[in-house]
């Protein structure tokens, strides 16, 4: 255990599995709304890293995206479906890293469910644009860093801790397994 965590009087570690892990992912993804979506075998100028908007986080912890069939991302995922996602909810809390598998689908029902008219910026033919694909990201493992009681309580604890010279950190972190 490192010196900061050793000085922490409160429990600040909680690994989550199954439904608890899925619930944490859904809450954090809904709050963040977007992430860095990373693929392997980069073919574009982004080295396999790009921001993506999460269209839906389901109760199983799956994350759903819309993507163009002719994108570098889709090409990279077709060659290797392994992907990694990075989220940041706020300035000082709500960090999430996920490893998993991304599957590309041509599911018109799901496209309809995930569609938003603002997406016409990228899919110029609208919801019926033949280039639209659905990506379902299924997490396998991950890690989260957050605070237990919200930003106000976390900030107050840090301020009091600084005044009295004691580690009073409201953080919580842990592994996620699905």
C-alpha atoms as a PDB file:
ATOM      1  CA  UNK A   1       0.000   0.000   0.000  1.00  0.00           C
ATOM      2  CA  UNK A   2       1.351   3.438  -0.854  1.00  0.00           C
ATOM      3  CA  UNK A   3       1.913   6.210   1.699  1.00  0.00           C
ATOM      4  CA  UNK A   4      -1.189   8.218   0.760  1.00  0.00           C
ATOM      5  CA  UNK A   5      -3.535   5.254   1.114  1.00  0.00           C
ATOM      6  CA  UNK A   6      -1.770   4.121   4.295  1.00  0.00           C
ATOM      7  CA  UNK A   7      -2.543   7.533   5.858  1.00  0.00           C
ATOM      8  CA  UNK A   8      -6.181   7.369   4.798  1.00  0.00           C
ATOM      9  CA  UNK A   9      -8.423   6.694   7.823  1.00  0.00           C
ATOM     10  CA  UNK A  10     -11.393   5.666   5.662  1.00  0.00           C
ATOM     11  CA  UNK A  11     -11.813   2.662   3.399  1.00  0.00           C
ATOM     12  CA  UNK A  12     -11.104   3.936  -0.097  1.00  0.00           C
ATOM     13  CA  UNK A  13     -10.940   0.717  -2.085  1.00  0.00           C
ATOM     14  CA  UNK A  14     -13.906  -1.269  -3.388  1.00  0.00           C
ATOM     15  CA  UNK A  15     -13.628  -3.778  -6.204  1.00  0.00           C
ATOM     16  CA  UNK A  16     -16.892  -4.406  -8.054  1.00  0.00           C
ATOM     17  CA  UNK A  17     -18.065  -7.390 -10.076  1.00  0.00           C
ATOM     18  CA  UNK A  18     -21.097  -8.398 -12.119  1.00  0.00           C
ATOM     19  CA  UNK A  19     -24.189  -6.248 -11.639  1.00  0.00           C
ATOM     20  CA  UNK A  20     -22.378  -3.833  -9.292  1.00  0.00           C
ATOM     21  CA  UNK A  21     -19.660  -3.260 -11.899  1.00  0.00           C
ATOM     22  CA  UNK A  22     -22.265  -2.796 -14.652  1.00  0.00           C
ATOM     23  CA  UNK A  23     -24.161  -0.275 -12.512  1.00  0.00           C
ATOM     24  CA  UNK A  24     -20.970   1.746 -11.871  1.00  0.00           C
ATOM     25  CA  UNK A  25     -20.140   1.767 -15.597  1.00  0.00           C
ATOM     26  CA  UNK A  26     -23.667   2.860 -16.536  1.00  0.00           C
ATOM     27  CA  UNK A  27     -23.678   5.705 -13.979  1.00  0.00           C
ATOM     28  CA  UNK A  28     -20.254   6.987 -14.959  1.00  0.00           C
ATOM     29  CA  UNK A  29     -20.804   6.649 -18.727  1.00  0.00           C
ATOM     30  CA  UNK A  30     -24.173   8.415 -18.496  1.00  0.00           C
ATOM     31  CA  UNK A  31     -22.535  11.284 -16.560  1.00  0.00           C
ATOM     32  CA  UNK A  32     -19.499  11.548 -18.854  1.00  0.00           C
ATOM     33  CA  UNK A  33     -21.473  11.173 -22.116  1.00  0.00           C
ATOM     34  CA  UNK A  34     -18.260  10.712 -24.141  1.00  0.00           C
ATOM     35  CA  UNK A  35     -14.968   8.885 -23.938  1.00  0.00           C
ATOM     36  CA  UNK A  36     -11.736   8.174 -25.720  1.00  0.00           C
ATOM     37  CA  UNK A  37     -12.334   5.033 -27.768  1.00  0.00           C
ATOM     38  CA  UNK A  38      -9.038   3.226 -28.473  1.00  0.00           C
ATOM     39  CA  UNK A  39      -8.473   0.466 -31.002  1.00  0.00           C
ATOM     40  CA  UNK A  40      -5.396  -1.563 -31.894  1.00  0.00           C
ATOM     41  CA  UNK A  41      -3.765  -1.752 -35.295  1.00  0.00           C
ATOM     42  CA  UNK A  42      -4.208   1.947 -36.051  1.00  0.00           C
ATOM     43  CA  UNK A  43      -4.778   2.748 -39.719  1.00  0.00           C
ATOM     44  CA  UNK A  44      -5.607   6.454 -39.377  1.00  0.00           C
ATOM     45  CA  UNK A  45      -3.752   9.512 -38.200  1.00  0.00           C
ATOM     46  CA  UNK A  46      -5.144   9.269 -34.645  1.00  0.00           C
ATOM     47  CA  UNK A  47      -3.071   6.175 -33.733  1.00  0.00           C
ATOM     48  CA  UNK A  48      -6.315   4.388 -32.892  1.00  0.00           C
ATOM     49  CA  UNK A  49      -7.547   6.970 -30.362  1.00  0.00           C
ATOM     50  CA  UNK A  50     -10.612   9.145 -30.920  1.00  0.00           C
ATOM     51  CA  UNK A  51     -13.376  10.802 -28.878  1.00  0.00           C
ATOM     52  CA  UNK A  52     -16.764   9.119 -29.158  1.00  0.00           C
ATOM     53  CA  UNK A  53     -20.206   9.914 -27.785  1.00  0.00           C
ATOM     54  CA  UNK A  54     -21.843   7.114 -25.878  1.00  0.00           C
ATOM     55  CA  UNK A  55     -25.340   6.758 -27.297  1.00  0.00           C
ATOM     56  CA  UNK A  56     -26.498   4.305 -24.603  1.00  0.00           C
ATOM     57  CA  UNK A  57     -25.206   2.518 -21.523  1.00  0.00           C
ATOM     58  CA  UNK A  58     -27.333  -0.515 -20.740  1.00  0.00           C
ATOM     59  CA  UNK A  59     -27.954  -2.341 -17.467  1.00  0.00           C
ATOM     60  CA  UNK A  60     -25.464  -5.085 -18.376  1.00  0.00           C
ATOM     61  CA  UNK A  61     -22.656  -2.521 -18.678  1.00  0.00           C
ATOM     62  CA  UNK A  62     -22.551  -2.605 -22.488  1.00  0.00           C
ATOM     63  CA  UNK A  63     -21.889   0.728 -24.163  1.00  0.00           C
ATOM     64  CA  UNK A  64     -23.428   1.557 -27.531  1.00  0.00           C
ATOM     65  CA  UNK A  65     -22.073   3.865 -30.231  1.00  0.00           C
ATOM     66  CA  UNK A  66     -22.869   4.792 -33.821  1.00  0.00           C
ATOM     67  CA  UNK A  67     -20.061   4.800 -36.351  1.00  0.00           C
ATOM     68  CA  UNK A  68     -19.513   5.061 -40.091  1.00  0.00           C
ATOM     69  CA  UNK A  69     -18.896   1.786 -41.900  1.00  0.00           C
ATOM     70  CA  UNK A  70     -15.996   3.343 -43.834  1.00  0.00           C
ATOM     71  CA  UNK A  71     -14.229   4.787 -40.764  1.00  0.00           C
ATOM     72  CA  UNK A  72     -10.714   3.816 -39.638  1.00  0.00           C
ATOM     73  CA  UNK A  73     -12.307   2.704 -36.354  1.00  0.00           C
ATOM     74  CA  UNK A  74     -14.580   0.183 -38.043  1.00  0.00           C
ATOM     75  CA  UNK A  75     -11.701  -1.095 -40.183  1.00  0.00           C
ATOM     76  CA  UNK A  76      -9.507  -1.533 -37.085  1.00  0.00           C
ATOM     77  CA  UNK A  77     -12.279  -3.271 -35.126  1.00  0.00           C
ATOM     78  CA  UNK A  78     -12.975  -5.648 -38.013  1.00  0.00           C
ATOM     79  CA  UNK A  79      -9.302  -6.715 -37.852  1.00  0.00           C
ATOM     80  CA  UNK A  80      -9.191  -6.858 -34.030  1.00  0.00           C
ATOM     81  CA  UNK A  81     -12.290  -6.260 -31.861  1.00  0.00           C
ATOM     82  CA  UNK A  82     -10.248  -5.517 -28.709  1.00  0.00           C
ATOM     83  CA  UNK A  83     -10.851  -1.953 -27.517  1.00  0.00           C
ATOM     84  CA  UNK A  84     -10.150   0.242 -24.529  1.00  0.00           C
ATOM     85  CA  UNK A  85     -12.291   3.173 -23.348  1.00  0.00           C
ATOM     86  CA  UNK A  86     -11.279   6.098 -21.112  1.00  0.00           C
ATOM     87  CA  UNK A  87     -13.841   8.347 -19.397  1.00  0.00           C
ATOM     88  CA  UNK A  88     -13.583  11.489 -17.306  1.00  0.00           C
ATOM     89  CA  UNK A  89     -16.756  12.697 -15.598  1.00  0.00           C
ATOM     90  CA  UNK A  90     -15.437  15.776 -13.781  1.00  0.00           C
ATOM     91  CA  UNK A  91     -12.273  17.741 -13.138  1.00  0.00           C
ATOM     92  CA  UNK A  92     -11.319  15.888  -9.961  1.00  0.00           C
ATOM     93  CA  UNK A  93     -13.361  12.676  -9.919  1.00  0.00           C
ATOM     94  CA  UNK A  94     -15.146  10.182 -12.084  1.00  0.00           C
ATOM     95  CA  UNK A  95     -12.380   8.450 -14.015  1.00  0.00           C
ATOM     96  CA  UNK A  96     -13.033   5.122 -15.688  1.00  0.00           C
ATOM     97  CA  UNK A  97     -10.898   2.799 -17.807  1.00  0.00           C
ATOM     98  CA  UNK A  98     -12.433  -0.225 -19.528  1.00  0.00           C
ATOM     99  CA  UNK A  99     -11.001  -3.103 -21.560  1.00  0.00           C
ATOM    100  CA  UNK A 100     -13.336  -5.130 -23.698  1.00  0.00           C
ATOM    101  CA  UNK A 101     -14.617  -6.185 -27.068  1.00  0.00           C
ATOM    102  CA  UNK A 102     -16.328  -4.003 -29.654  1.00  0.00           C
ATOM    103  CA  UNK A 103     -18.683  -5.660 -32.124  1.00  0.00           C
ATOM    104  CA  UNK A 104     -19.938  -3.913 -35.256  1.00  0.00           C
ATOM    105  CA  UNK A 105     -23.560  -4.497 -36.258  1.00  0.00           C
ATOM    106  CA  UNK A 106     -25.997  -3.344 -38.930  1.00  0.00           C
ATOM    107  CA  UNK A 107     -29.021  -3.387 -36.614  1.00  0.00           C
ATOM    108  CA  UNK A 108     -31.593  -0.911 -38.012  1.00  0.00           C
ATOM    109  CA  UNK A 109     -33.764  -1.188 -34.882  1.00  0.00           C
ATOM    110  CA  UNK A 110     -30.823  -0.235 -32.658  1.00  0.00           C
ATOM    111  CA  UNK A 111     -29.805   2.569 -35.040  1.00  0.00           C
ATOM    112  CA  UNK A 112     -33.329   3.956 -34.691  1.00  0.00           C
ATOM    113  CA  UNK A 113     -33.123   3.696 -30.891  1.00  0.00           C
ATOM    114  CA  UNK A 114     -29.722   5.433 -30.737  1.00  0.00           C
ATOM    115  CA  UNK A 115     -30.436   8.059 -33.384  1.00  0.00           C
ATOM    116  CA  UNK A 116     -30.387  11.780 -32.629  1.00  0.00           C
ATOM    117  CA  UNK A 117     -31.039  14.391 -35.376  1.00  0.00           C
ATOM    118  CA  UNK A 118     -27.731  16.133 -34.547  1.00  0.00           C
ATOM    119  CA  UNK A 119     -25.950  13.046 -35.859  1.00  0.00           C
ATOM    120  CA  UNK A 120     -26.917  14.160 -39.355  1.00  0.00           C
ATOM    121  CA  UNK A 121     -23.729  16.229 -39.196  1.00  0.00           C
ATOM    122  CA  UNK A 122     -21.794  12.986 -39.715  1.00  0.00           C
ATOM    123  CA  UNK A 123     -24.478  10.876 -41.374  1.00  0.00           C
ATOM    124  CA  UNK A 124     -25.729  13.336 -43.985  1.00  0.00           C
ATOM    125  CA  UNK A 125     -28.489  11.063 -45.272  1.00  0.00           C
ATOM    126  CA  UNK A 126     -30.038  10.974 -41.811  1.00  0.00           C
ATOM    127  CA  UNK A 127     -31.128   7.946 -39.869  1.00  0.00           C
ATOM    128  CA  UNK A 128     -31.353   5.873 -43.065  1.00  0.00           C
ATOM    129  CA  UNK A 129     -27.763   6.638 -44.124  1.00  0.00           C
ATOM    130  CA  UNK A 130     -26.411   3.261 -45.311  1.00  0.00           C
ATOM    131  CA  UNK A 131     -22.999   4.000 -43.730  1.00  0.00           C
ATOM    132  CA  UNK A 132     -24.340   3.931 -40.151  1.00  0.00           C
ATOM    133  CA  UNK A 133     -23.241   0.992 -38.049  1.00  0.00           C
ATOM    134  CA  UNK A 134     -23.767   0.184 -34.383  1.00  0.00           C
ATOM    135  CA  UNK A 135     -20.840  -0.630 -32.142  1.00  0.00           C
ATOM    136  CA  UNK A 136     -21.580  -2.579 -28.978  1.00  0.00           C
ATOM    137  CA  UNK A 137     -18.705  -2.400 -26.505  1.00  0.00           C
ATOM    138  CA  UNK A 138     -18.799  -5.237 -23.963  1.00  0.00           C
ATOM    139  CA  UNK A 139     -16.462  -4.607 -21.027  1.00  0.00           C
ATOM    140  CA  UNK A 140     -14.414  -7.467 -19.596  1.00  0.00           C
ATOM    141  CA  UNK A 141     -12.353  -5.614 -16.962  1.00  0.00           C
ATOM    142  CA  UNK A 142     -11.744  -2.066 -15.851  1.00  0.00           C
ATOM    143  CA  UNK A 143     -10.750   0.304 -13.090  1.00  0.00           C
ATOM    144  CA  UNK A 144     -12.533   3.331 -11.635  1.00  0.00           C
ATOM    145  CA  UNK A 145     -11.539   6.316  -9.489  1.00  0.00           C
ATOM    146  CA  UNK A 146     -14.297   8.456  -8.006  1.00  0.00           C
ATOM    147  CA  UNK A 147     -15.419  10.084  -4.778  1.00  0.00           C
ATOM    148  CA  UNK A 148     -17.912   8.592  -2.365  1.00  0.00           C
ATOM    149  CA  UNK A 149     -20.067  11.570  -1.451  1.00  0.00           C
ATOM    150  CA  UNK A 150     -19.915  14.024  -4.352  1.00  0.00           C
ATOM    151  CA  UNK A 151     -17.633  16.924  -5.167  1.00  0.00           C
ATOM    152  CA  UNK A 152     -18.757  19.239  -2.346  1.00  0.00           C
ATOM    153  CA  UNK A 153     -18.039  16.720   0.429  1.00  0.00           C
ATOM    154  CA  UNK A 154     -14.797  15.629  -1.261  1.00  0.00           C
ATOM    155  CA  UNK A 155     -13.628  19.248  -1.523  1.00  0.00           C
ATOM    156  CA  UNK A 156     -14.508  19.940   2.115  1.00  0.00           C
ATOM    157  CA  UNK A 157     -12.602  16.867   3.287  1.00  0.00           C
ATOM    158  CA  UNK A 158      -9.517  17.882   1.321  1.00  0.00           C
ATOM    159  CA  UNK A 159      -9.678  21.436   2.705  1.00  0.00           C
ATOM    160  CA  UNK A 160     -10.086  20.240   6.314  1.00  0.00           C
ATOM    161  CA  UNK A 161      -7.319  17.675   5.810  1.00  0.00           C
ATOM    162  CA  UNK A 162      -4.984  20.394   4.540  1.00  0.00           C
ATOM    163  CA  UNK A 163      -5.790  22.586   7.568  1.00  0.00           C
ATOM    164  CA  UNK A 164      -5.140  19.867  10.137  1.00  0.00           C
ATOM    165  CA  UNK A 165      -2.353  18.067   8.256  1.00  0.00           C
ATOM    166  CA  UNK A 166      -4.203  14.777   7.909  1.00  0.00           C
ATOM    167  CA  UNK A 167      -5.233  12.737   4.873  1.00  0.00           C
ATOM    168  CA  UNK A 168      -9.018  13.136   4.617  1.00  0.00           C
ATOM    169  CA  UNK A 169      -9.655  12.004   1.096  1.00  0.00           C
ATOM    170  CA  UNK A 170     -13.182  11.066  -0.003  1.00  0.00           C
ATOM    171  CA  UNK A 171     -11.929   8.939  -2.899  1.00  0.00           C
ATOM    172  CA  UNK A 172     -12.986   5.444  -3.833  1.00  0.00           C
ATOM    173  CA  UNK A 173     -11.363   3.237  -6.432  1.00  0.00           C
ATOM    174  CA  UNK A 174     -11.330  -0.347  -7.517  1.00  0.00           C
ATOM    175  CA  UNK A 175     -11.204  -3.020 -10.151  1.00  0.00           C
ATOM    176  CA  UNK A 176     -14.225  -3.877 -12.253  1.00  0.00           C
ATOM    177  CA  UNK A 177     -14.879  -7.390 -13.524  1.00  0.00           C
ATOM    178  CA  UNK A 178     -17.821  -8.565 -15.588  1.00  0.00           C
END
